[in-house]
Amino acid sequence: LALESLGSALEQLKVNPSNVLISNKLGWLRTELKTS
């Protein structure tokens, strides 16, 4: 959600991609929520 919200906000603000540097710490993959 954080990645999704960040990308959405940057797009809404029309920020030039060259004006941001994004670090993504990898190792967790989004999957379907099957529990509460």
ModelCIF file with pLDDT and N, C-alpha, C, O atoms, coordinates in Angstrom:
data_MODEL
#
_entry.id   MODEL 
#
_entity.id                         1 
_entity.type                       polymer 
_entity.pdbx_number_of_molecules   1 
#
_entity_poly.entity_id                      1 
_entity_poly.type                           'polypeptide(L)' 
_entity_poly.nstd_linkage                   no 
_entity_poly.nstd_monomer                   no 
_entity_poly.pdbx_seq_one_letter_code       LALESLGSALEQLKVNPSNVLISNKLGWLRTELKTS 
_entity_poly.pdbx_seq_one_letter_code_can   LALESLGSALEQLKVNPSNVLISNKLGWLRTELKTS 
_entity_poly.pdbx_strand_id                 A 
#
loop_
_entity_poly_seq.entity_id 
_entity_poly_seq.num 
_entity_poly_seq.mon_id 
_entity_poly_seq.hetero 
1 1  LEU n 
1 2  ALA n 
1 3  LEU n 
1 4  GLU n 
1 5  SER n 
1 6  LEU n 
1 7  GLY n 
1 8  SER n 
1 9  ALA n 
1 10 LEU n 
1 11 GLU n 
1 12 GLN n 
1 13 LEU n 
1 14 LYS n 
1 15 VAL n 
1 16 ASN n 
1 17 PRO n 
1 18 SER n 
1 19 ASN n 
1 20 VAL n 
1 21 LEU n 
1 22 ILE n 
1 23 SER n 
1 24 ASN n 
1 25 LYS n 
1 26 LEU n 
1 27 GLY n 
1 28 TRP n 
1 29 LEU n 
1 30 ARG n 
1 31 THR n 
1 32 GLU n 
1 33 LEU n 
1 34 LYS n 
1 35 THR n 
1 36 SER n 
#
_struct_asym.id          A 
_struct_asym.entity_id   1 
#
loop_
_ma_qa_metric.id 
_ma_qa_metric.mode 
_ma_qa_metric.name 
_ma_qa_metric.software_group_id 
_ma_qa_metric.type 
1 global pLDDT . pLDDT 
2 local  pLDDT . pLDDT 
#
_ma_qa_metric_global.metric_id      1 
_ma_qa_metric_global.metric_value   96.39 
_ma_qa_metric_global.model_id       1 
_ma_qa_metric_global.ordinal_id     1 
#
loop_
_ma_qa_metric_local.label_asym_id 
_ma_qa_metric_local.label_comp_id 
_ma_qa_metric_local.label_seq_id 
_ma_qa_metric_local.metric_id 
_ma_qa_metric_local.metric_value 
_ma_qa_metric_local.model_id 
_ma_qa_metric_local.ordinal_id 
A LEU 1  2 98.00 1 1  
A ALA 2  2 98.00 1 2  
A LEU 3  2 98.00 1 3  
A GLU 4  2 98.00 1 4  
A SER 5  2 98.00 1 5  
A LEU 6  2 98.00 1 6  
A GLY 7  2 98.00 1 7  
A SER 8  2 98.00 1 8  
A ALA 9  2 98.00 1 9  
A LEU 10 2 98.00 1 10 
A GLU 11 2 98.00 1 11 
A GLN 12 2 97.00 1 12 
A LEU 13 2 97.00 1 13 
A LYS 14 2 97.00 1 14 
A VAL 15 2 97.00 1 15 
A ASN 16 2 97.00 1 16 
A PRO 17 2 96.00 1 17 
A SER 18 2 94.00 1 18 
A ASN 19 2 95.00 1 19 
A VAL 20 2 97.00 1 20 
A LEU 21 2 97.00 1 21 
A ILE 22 2 98.00 1 22 
A SER 23 2 97.00 1 23 
A ASN 24 2 97.00 1 24 
A LYS 25 2 96.00 1 25 
A LEU 26 2 97.00 1 26 
A GLY 27 2 95.00 1 27 
A TRP 28 2 96.00 1 28 
A LEU 29 2 97.00 1 29 
A ARG 30 2 97.00 1 30 
A THR 31 2 96.00 1 31 
A GLU 32 2 96.00 1 32 
A LEU 33 2 94.00 1 33 
A LYS 34 2 94.00 1 34 
A THR 35 2 91.00 1 35 
A SER 36 2 87.00 1 36 
#
loop_
_atom_site.group_PDB 
_atom_site.id 
_atom_site.type_symbol 
_atom_site.label_atom_id 
_atom_site.label_alt_id 
_atom_site.label_comp_id 
_atom_site.label_asym_id 
_atom_site.label_entity_id 
_atom_site.label_seq_id 
_atom_site.pdbx_PDB_ins_code 
_atom_site.Cartn_x 
_atom_site.Cartn_y 
_atom_site.Cartn_z 
_atom_site.occupancy 
_atom_site.B_iso_or_equiv 
_atom_site.pdbx_formal_charge 
_atom_site.auth_seq_id 
_atom_site.auth_comp_id 
_atom_site.auth_asym_id 
_atom_site.auth_atom_id 
_atom_site.pdbx_PDB_model_num 
ATOM 1   N N  . LEU A 1 1  ? 0.821  -1.211  0.000   1.00 98.00 ? 1  LEU A N  1 
ATOM 2   C CA . LEU A 1 1  ? 0.000  0.000   0.000   1.00 98.00 ? 1  LEU A CA 1 
ATOM 3   C C  . LEU A 1 1  ? 0.857  1.264   0.000   1.00 98.00 ? 1  LEU A C  1 
ATOM 4   O O  . LEU A 1 1  ? 0.507  2.248   -0.651  1.00 98.00 ? 1  LEU A O  1 
ATOM 5   N N  . ALA A 1 2  ? 1.977  1.245   0.725   1.00 98.00 ? 2  ALA A N  1 
ATOM 6   C CA . ALA A 1 2  ? 2.847  2.429   0.780   1.00 98.00 ? 2  ALA A CA 1 
ATOM 7   C C  . ALA A 1 2  ? 3.388  2.764   -0.605  1.00 98.00 ? 2  ALA A C  1 
ATOM 8   O O  . ALA A 1 2  ? 3.398  3.928   -1.006  1.00 98.00 ? 2  ALA A O  1 
ATOM 9   N N  . LEU A 1 3  ? 3.839  1.742   -1.338  1.00 98.00 ? 3  LEU A N  1 
ATOM 10  C CA . LEU A 1 3  ? 4.337  1.951   -2.698  1.00 98.00 ? 3  LEU A CA 1 
ATOM 11  C C  . LEU A 1 3  ? 3.229  2.487   -3.594  1.00 98.00 ? 3  LEU A C  1 
ATOM 12  O O  . LEU A 1 3  ? 3.436  3.423   -4.367  1.00 98.00 ? 3  LEU A O  1 
ATOM 13  N N  . GLU A 1 4  ? 2.053  1.881   -3.479  1.00 98.00 ? 4  GLU A N  1 
ATOM 14  C CA . GLU A 1 4  ? 0.898  2.282   -4.286  1.00 98.00 ? 4  GLU A CA 1 
ATOM 15  C C  . GLU A 1 4  ? 0.500  3.728   -3.984  1.00 98.00 ? 4  GLU A C  1 
ATOM 16  O O  . GLU A 1 4  ? 0.242  4.511   -4.899  1.00 98.00 ? 4  GLU A O  1 
ATOM 17  N N  . SER A 1 5  ? 0.452  4.075   -2.699  1.00 98.00 ? 5  SER A N  1 
ATOM 18  C CA . SER A 1 5  ? 0.063  5.427   -2.286  1.00 98.00 ? 5  SER A CA 1 
ATOM 19  C C  . SER A 1 5  ? 1.102  6.454   -2.721  1.00 98.00 ? 5  SER A C  1 
ATOM 20  O O  . SER A 1 5  ? 0.755  7.560   -3.137  1.00 98.00 ? 5  SER A O  1 
ATOM 21  N N  . LEU A 1 6  ? 2.383  6.084   -2.623  1.00 98.00 ? 6  LEU A N  1 
ATOM 22  C CA . LEU A 1 6  ? 3.455  6.986   -3.037  1.00 98.00 ? 6  LEU A CA 1 
ATOM 23  C C  . LEU A 1 6  ? 3.376  7.264   -4.532  1.00 98.00 ? 6  LEU A C  1 
ATOM 24  O O  . LEU A 1 6  ? 3.430  8.418   -4.957  1.00 98.00 ? 6  LEU A O  1 
ATOM 25  N N  . GLY A 1 7  ? 3.249  6.208   -5.327  1.00 98.00 ? 7  GLY A N  1 
ATOM 26  C CA . GLY A 1 7  ? 3.153  6.381   -6.776  1.00 98.00 ? 7  GLY A CA 1 
ATOM 27  C C  . GLY A 1 7  ? 1.942  7.193   -7.176  1.00 98.00 ? 7  GLY A C  1 
ATOM 28  O O  . GLY A 1 7  ? 2.020  8.040   -8.066  1.00 98.00 ? 7  GLY A O  1 
ATOM 29  N N  . SER A 1 8  ? 0.816  6.936   -6.517  1.00 98.00 ? 8  SER A N  1 
ATOM 30  C CA . SER A 1 8  ? -0.420 7.654   -6.814  1.00 98.00 ? 8  SER A CA 1 
ATOM 31  C C  . SER A 1 8  ? -0.300 9.137   -6.478  1.00 98.00 ? 8  SER A C  1 
ATOM 32  O O  . SER A 1 8  ? -0.732 9.993   -7.250  1.00 98.00 ? 8  SER A O  1 
ATOM 33  N N  . ALA A 1 9  ? 0.296  9.438   -5.310  1.00 98.00 ? 9  ALA A N  1 
ATOM 34  C CA . ALA A 1 9  ? 0.456  10.836  -4.899  1.00 98.00 ? 9  ALA A CA 1 
ATOM 35  C C  . ALA A 1 9  ? 1.402  11.582  -5.837  1.00 98.00 ? 9  ALA A C  1 
ATOM 36  O O  . ALA A 1 9  ? 1.129  12.719  -6.222  1.00 98.00 ? 9  ALA A O  1 
ATOM 37  N N  . LEU A 1 10 ? 2.511  10.945  -6.203  1.00 98.00 ? 10 LEU A N  1 
ATOM 38  C CA . LEU A 1 10 ? 3.462  11.582  -7.122  1.00 98.00 ? 10 LEU A CA 1 
ATOM 39  C C  . LEU A 1 10 ? 2.807  11.872  -8.467  1.00 98.00 ? 10 LEU A C  1 
ATOM 40  O O  . LEU A 1 10 ? 3.049  12.914  -9.077  1.00 98.00 ? 10 LEU A O  1 
ATOM 41  N N  . GLU A 1 11 ? 1.978  10.943  -8.918  1.00 98.00 ? 11 GLU A N  1 
ATOM 42  C CA . GLU A 1 11 ? 1.267  11.121  -10.193 1.00 98.00 ? 11 GLU A CA 1 
ATOM 43  C C  . GLU A 1 11 ? 0.266  12.272  -10.082 1.00 98.00 ? 11 GLU A C  1 
ATOM 44  O O  . GLU A 1 11 ? 0.171  13.113  -10.976 1.00 98.00 ? 11 GLU A O  1 
ATOM 45  N N  . GLN A 1 12 ? -0.477 12.297  -8.976  1.00 97.00 ? 12 GLN A N  1 
ATOM 46  C CA . GLN A 1 12 ? -1.470 13.349  -8.762  1.00 97.00 ? 12 GLN A CA 1 
ATOM 47  C C  . GLN A 1 12 ? -0.809 14.726  -8.711  1.00 97.00 ? 12 GLN A C  1 
ATOM 48  O O  . GLN A 1 12 ? -1.365 15.718  -9.182  1.00 97.00 ? 12 GLN A O  1 
ATOM 49  N N  . LEU A 1 13 ? 0.394  14.759  -8.126  1.00 97.00 ? 13 LEU A N  1 
ATOM 50  C CA . LEU A 1 13 ? 1.135  16.018  -7.995  1.00 97.00 ? 13 LEU A CA 1 
ATOM 51  C C  . LEU A 1 13 ? 1.921  16.362  -9.256  1.00 97.00 ? 13 LEU A C  1 
ATOM 52  O O  . LEU A 1 13 ? 2.538  17.423  -9.348  1.00 97.00 ? 13 LEU A O  1 
ATOM 53  N N  . LYS A 1 14 ? 1.888  15.448  -10.223 1.00 97.00 ? 14 LYS A N  1 
ATOM 54  C CA . LYS A 1 14 ? 2.610  15.627  -11.497 1.00 97.00 ? 14 LYS A CA 1 
ATOM 55  C C  . LYS A 1 14 ? 4.108  15.879  -11.275 1.00 97.00 ? 14 LYS A C  1 
ATOM 56  O O  . LYS A 1 14 ? 4.702  16.764  -11.890 1.00 97.00 ? 14 LYS A O  1 
ATOM 57  N N  . VAL A 1 15 ? 4.695  15.085  -10.387 1.00 97.00 ? 15 VAL A N  1 
ATOM 58  C CA . VAL A 1 15 ? 6.119  15.205  -10.085 1.00 97.00 ? 15 VAL A CA 1 
ATOM 59  C C  . VAL A 1 15 ? 6.941  14.527  -11.174 1.00 97.00 ? 15 VAL A C  1 
ATOM 60  O O  . VAL A 1 15 ? 6.691  13.371  -11.518 1.00 97.00 ? 15 VAL A O  1 
ATOM 61  N N  . ASN A 1 16 ? 7.907  15.237  -11.709 1.00 97.00 ? 16 ASN A N  1 
ATOM 62  C CA . ASN A 1 16 ? 8.793  14.663  -12.713 1.00 97.00 ? 16 ASN A CA 1 
ATOM 63  C C  . ASN A 1 16 ? 9.574  13.504  -12.089 1.00 97.00 ? 16 ASN A C  1 
ATOM 64  O O  . ASN A 1 16 ? 10.178 13.681  -11.030 1.00 97.00 ? 16 ASN A O  1 
ATOM 65  N N  . PRO A 1 17 ? 9.577  12.326  -12.715 1.00 96.00 ? 17 PRO A N  1 
ATOM 66  C CA . PRO A 1 17 ? 10.302 11.179  -12.145 1.00 96.00 ? 17 PRO A CA 1 
ATOM 67  C C  . PRO A 1 17 ? 11.768 11.479  -11.835 1.00 96.00 ? 17 PRO A C  1 
ATOM 68  O O  . PRO A 1 17 ? 12.345 10.863  -10.939 1.00 96.00 ? 17 PRO A O  1 
ATOM 69  N N  . SER A 1 18 ? 12.370 12.406  -12.554 1.00 94.00 ? 18 SER A N  1 
ATOM 70  C CA . SER A 1 18 ? 13.779 12.728  -12.300 1.00 94.00 ? 18 SER A CA 1 
ATOM 71  C C  . SER A 1 18 ? 13.968 13.512  -11.003 1.00 94.00 ? 18 SER A C  1 
ATOM 72  O O  . SER A 1 18 ? 15.093 13.667  -10.528 1.00 94.00 ? 18 SER A O  1 
ATOM 73  N N  . ASN A 1 19 ? 12.864 14.007  -10.428 1.00 95.00 ? 19 ASN A N  1 
ATOM 74  C CA . ASN A 1 19 ? 12.937 14.791  -9.185  1.00 95.00 ? 19 ASN A CA 1 
ATOM 75  C C  . ASN A 1 19 ? 12.724 13.952  -7.927  1.00 95.00 ? 19 ASN A C  1 
ATOM 76  O O  . ASN A 1 19 ? 12.675 14.483  -6.818  1.00 95.00 ? 19 ASN A O  1 
ATOM 77  N N  . VAL A 1 20 ? 12.596 12.616  -8.113  1.00 97.00 ? 20 VAL A N  1 
ATOM 78  C CA . VAL A 1 20 ? 12.461 11.725  -6.957  1.00 97.00 ? 20 VAL A CA 1 
ATOM 79  C C  . VAL A 1 20 ? 13.403 10.533  -7.118  1.00 97.00 ? 20 VAL A C  1 
ATOM 80  O O  . VAL A 1 20 ? 13.713 10.105  -8.229  1.00 97.00 ? 20 VAL A O  1 
ATOM 81  N N  . LEU A 1 21 ? 13.842 10.019  -5.988  1.00 97.00 ? 21 LEU A N  1 
ATOM 82  C CA . LEU A 1 21 ? 14.651 8.806   -5.950  1.00 97.00 ? 21 LEU A CA 1 
ATOM 83  C C  . LEU A 1 21 ? 13.979 7.883   -4.947  1.00 97.00 ? 21 LEU A C  1 
ATOM 84  O O  . LEU A 1 21 ? 13.850 8.223   -3.771  1.00 97.00 ? 21 LEU A O  1 
ATOM 85  N N  . ILE A 1 22 ? 13.551 6.718   -5.409  1.00 98.00 ? 22 ILE A N  1 
ATOM 86  C CA . ILE A 1 22 ? 12.783 5.807   -4.560  1.00 98.00 ? 22 ILE A CA 1 
ATOM 87  C C  . ILE A 1 22 ? 13.610 4.585   -4.202  1.00 98.00 ? 22 ILE A C  1 
ATOM 88  O O  . ILE A 1 22 ? 14.170 3.915   -5.070  1.00 98.00 ? 22 ILE A O  1 
ATOM 89  N N  . SER A 1 23 ? 13.674 4.311   -2.913  1.00 97.00 ? 23 SER A N  1 
ATOM 90  C CA . SER A 1 23 ? 14.320 3.093   -2.413  1.00 97.00 ? 23 SER A CA 1 
ATOM 91  C C  . SER A 1 23 ? 13.220 2.094   -2.059  1.00 97.00 ? 23 SER A C  1 
ATOM 92  O O  . SER A 1 23 ? 12.287 2.418   -1.324  1.00 97.00 ? 23 SER A O  1 
ATOM 93  N N  . ASN A 1 24 ? 13.343 0.880   -2.589  1.00 97.00 ? 24 ASN A N  1 
ATOM 94  C CA . ASN A 1 24 ? 12.375 -0.165  -2.266  1.00 97.00 ? 24 ASN A CA 1 
ATOM 95  C C  . ASN A 1 24 ? 13.108 -1.330  -1.612  1.00 97.00 ? 24 ASN A C  1 
ATOM 96  O O  . ASN A 1 24 ? 13.951 -1.978  -2.230  1.00 97.00 ? 24 ASN A O  1 
ATOM 97  N N  . LYS A 1 25 ? 12.772 -1.581  -0.355  1.00 96.00 ? 25 LYS A N  1 
ATOM 98  C CA . LYS A 1 25 ? 13.346 -2.709  0.371   1.00 96.00 ? 25 LYS A CA 1 
ATOM 99  C C  . LYS A 1 25 ? 12.534 -3.954  0.000   1.00 96.00 ? 25 LYS A C  1 
ATOM 100 O O  . LYS A 1 25 ? 11.337 -4.027  0.277   1.00 96.00 ? 25 LYS A O  1 
ATOM 101 N N  . LEU A 1 26 ? 13.184 -4.915  -0.616  1.00 97.00 ? 26 LEU A N  1 
ATOM 102 C CA . LEU A 1 26 ? 12.499 -6.046  -1.230  1.00 97.00 ? 26 LEU A CA 1 
ATOM 103 C C  . LEU A 1 26 ? 12.536 -7.296  -0.366  1.00 97.00 ? 26 LEU A C  1 
ATOM 104 O O  . LEU A 1 26 ? 13.447 -7.492  0.437   1.00 97.00 ? 26 LEU A O  1 
ATOM 105 N N  . GLY A 1 27 ? 11.526 -8.133  -0.549  1.00 95.00 ? 27 GLY A N  1 
ATOM 106 C CA . GLY A 1 27 ? 11.487 -9.398  0.177   1.00 95.00 ? 27 GLY A CA 1 
ATOM 107 C C  . GLY A 1 27 ? 10.084 -9.819  0.583   1.00 95.00 ? 27 GLY A C  1 
ATOM 108 O O  . GLY A 1 27 ? 9.872  -10.931 1.065   1.00 95.00 ? 27 GLY A O  1 
ATOM 109 N N  . TRP A 1 28 ? 9.112  -8.902  0.380   1.00 96.00 ? 28 TRP A N  1 
ATOM 110 C CA . TRP A 1 28 ? 7.716  -9.219  0.704   1.00 96.00 ? 28 TRP A CA 1 
ATOM 111 C C  . TRP A 1 28 ? 6.846  -8.943  -0.519  1.00 96.00 ? 28 TRP A C  1 
ATOM 112 O O  . TRP A 1 28 ? 6.918  -7.877  -1.131  1.00 96.00 ? 28 TRP A O  1 
ATOM 113 N N  . LEU A 1 29 ? 6.025  -9.931  -0.855  1.00 97.00 ? 29 LEU A N  1 
ATOM 114 C CA . LEU A 1 29 ? 5.199  -9.881  -2.066  1.00 97.00 ? 29 LEU A CA 1 
ATOM 115 C C  . LEU A 1 29 ? 3.716  -9.781  -1.701  1.00 97.00 ? 29 LEU A C  1 
ATOM 116 O O  . LEU A 1 29 ? 3.220  -10.544 -0.873  1.00 97.00 ? 29 LEU A O  1 
ATOM 117 N N  . ARG A 1 30 ? 3.019  -8.834  -2.325  1.00 97.00 ? 30 ARG A N  1 
ATOM 118 C CA . ARG A 1 30 ? 1.571  -8.681  -2.085  1.00 97.00 ? 30 ARG A CA 1 
ATOM 119 C C  . ARG A 1 30 ? 0.821  -9.930  -2.568  1.00 97.00 ? 30 ARG A C  1 
ATOM 120 O O  . ARG A 1 30 ? 1.063  -10.427 -3.668  1.00 97.00 ? 30 ARG A O  1 
ATOM 121 N N  . THR A 1 31 ? -0.085 -10.419 -1.731  1.00 96.00 ? 31 THR A N  1 
ATOM 122 C CA . THR A 1 31 ? -0.924 -11.572 -2.084  1.00 96.00 ? 31 THR A CA 1 
ATOM 123 C C  . THR A 1 31 ? -2.365 -11.304 -1.639  1.00 96.00 ? 31 THR A C  1 
ATOM 124 O O  . THR A 1 31 ? -2.660 -10.299 -0.992  1.00 96.00 ? 31 THR A O  1 
ATOM 125 N N  . GLU A 1 32 ? -3.230 -12.215 -1.998  1.00 96.00 ? 32 GLU A N  1 
ATOM 126 C CA . GLU A 1 32 ? -4.646 -12.088 -1.637  1.00 96.00 ? 32 GLU A CA 1 
ATOM 127 C C  . GLU A 1 32 ? -4.822 -12.201 -0.119  1.00 96.00 ? 32 GLU A C  1 
ATOM 128 O O  . GLU A 1 32 ? -4.171 -13.016 0.534   1.00 96.00 ? 32 GLU A O  1 
ATOM 129 N N  . LEU A 1 33 ? -5.706 -11.373 0.424   1.00 94.00 ? 33 LEU A N  1 
ATOM 130 C CA . LEU A 1 33 ? -6.025 -11.422 1.851   1.00 94.00 ? 33 LEU A CA 1 
ATOM 131 C C  . LEU A 1 33 ? -7.141 -12.439 2.073   1.00 94.00 ? 33 LEU A C  1 
ATOM 132 O O  . LEU A 1 33 ? -8.270 -12.236 1.627   1.00 94.00 ? 33 LEU A O  1 
ATOM 133 N N  . LYS A 1 34 ? -6.822 -13.530 2.762   1.00 94.00 ? 34 LYS A N  1 
ATOM 134 C CA . LYS A 1 34 ? -7.800 -14.603 2.965   1.00 94.00 ? 34 LYS A CA 1 
ATOM 135 C C  . LYS A 1 34 ? -8.265 -14.703 4.411   1.00 94.00 ? 34 LYS A C  1 
ATOM 136 O O  . LYS A 1 34 ? -9.119 -15.524 4.745   1.00 94.00 ? 34 LYS A O  1 
ATOM 137 N N  . THR A 1 35 ? -7.696 -13.862 5.261   1.00 91.00 ? 35 THR A N  1 
ATOM 138 C CA . THR A 1 35 ? -8.054 -13.871 6.684   1.00 91.00 ? 35 THR A CA 1 
ATOM 139 C C  . THR A 1 35 ? -8.573 -12.494 7.081   1.00 91.00 ? 35 THR A C  1 
ATOM 140 O O  . THR A 1 35 ? -8.577 -11.567 6.272   1.00 91.00 ? 35 THR A O  1 
ATOM 141 N N  . SER A 1 36 ? -9.009 -12.367 8.331   1.00 87.00 ? 36 SER A N  1 
ATOM 142 C CA . SER A 1 36 ? -9.610 -11.096 8.762   1.00 87.00 ? 36 SER A CA 1 
ATOM 143 C C  . SER A 1 36 ? -8.594 -9.964  8.812   1.00 87.00 ? 36 SER A C  1 
ATOM 144 O O  . SER A 1 36 ? -8.945 -8.835  9.156   1.00 87.00 ? 36 SER A O  1 
#
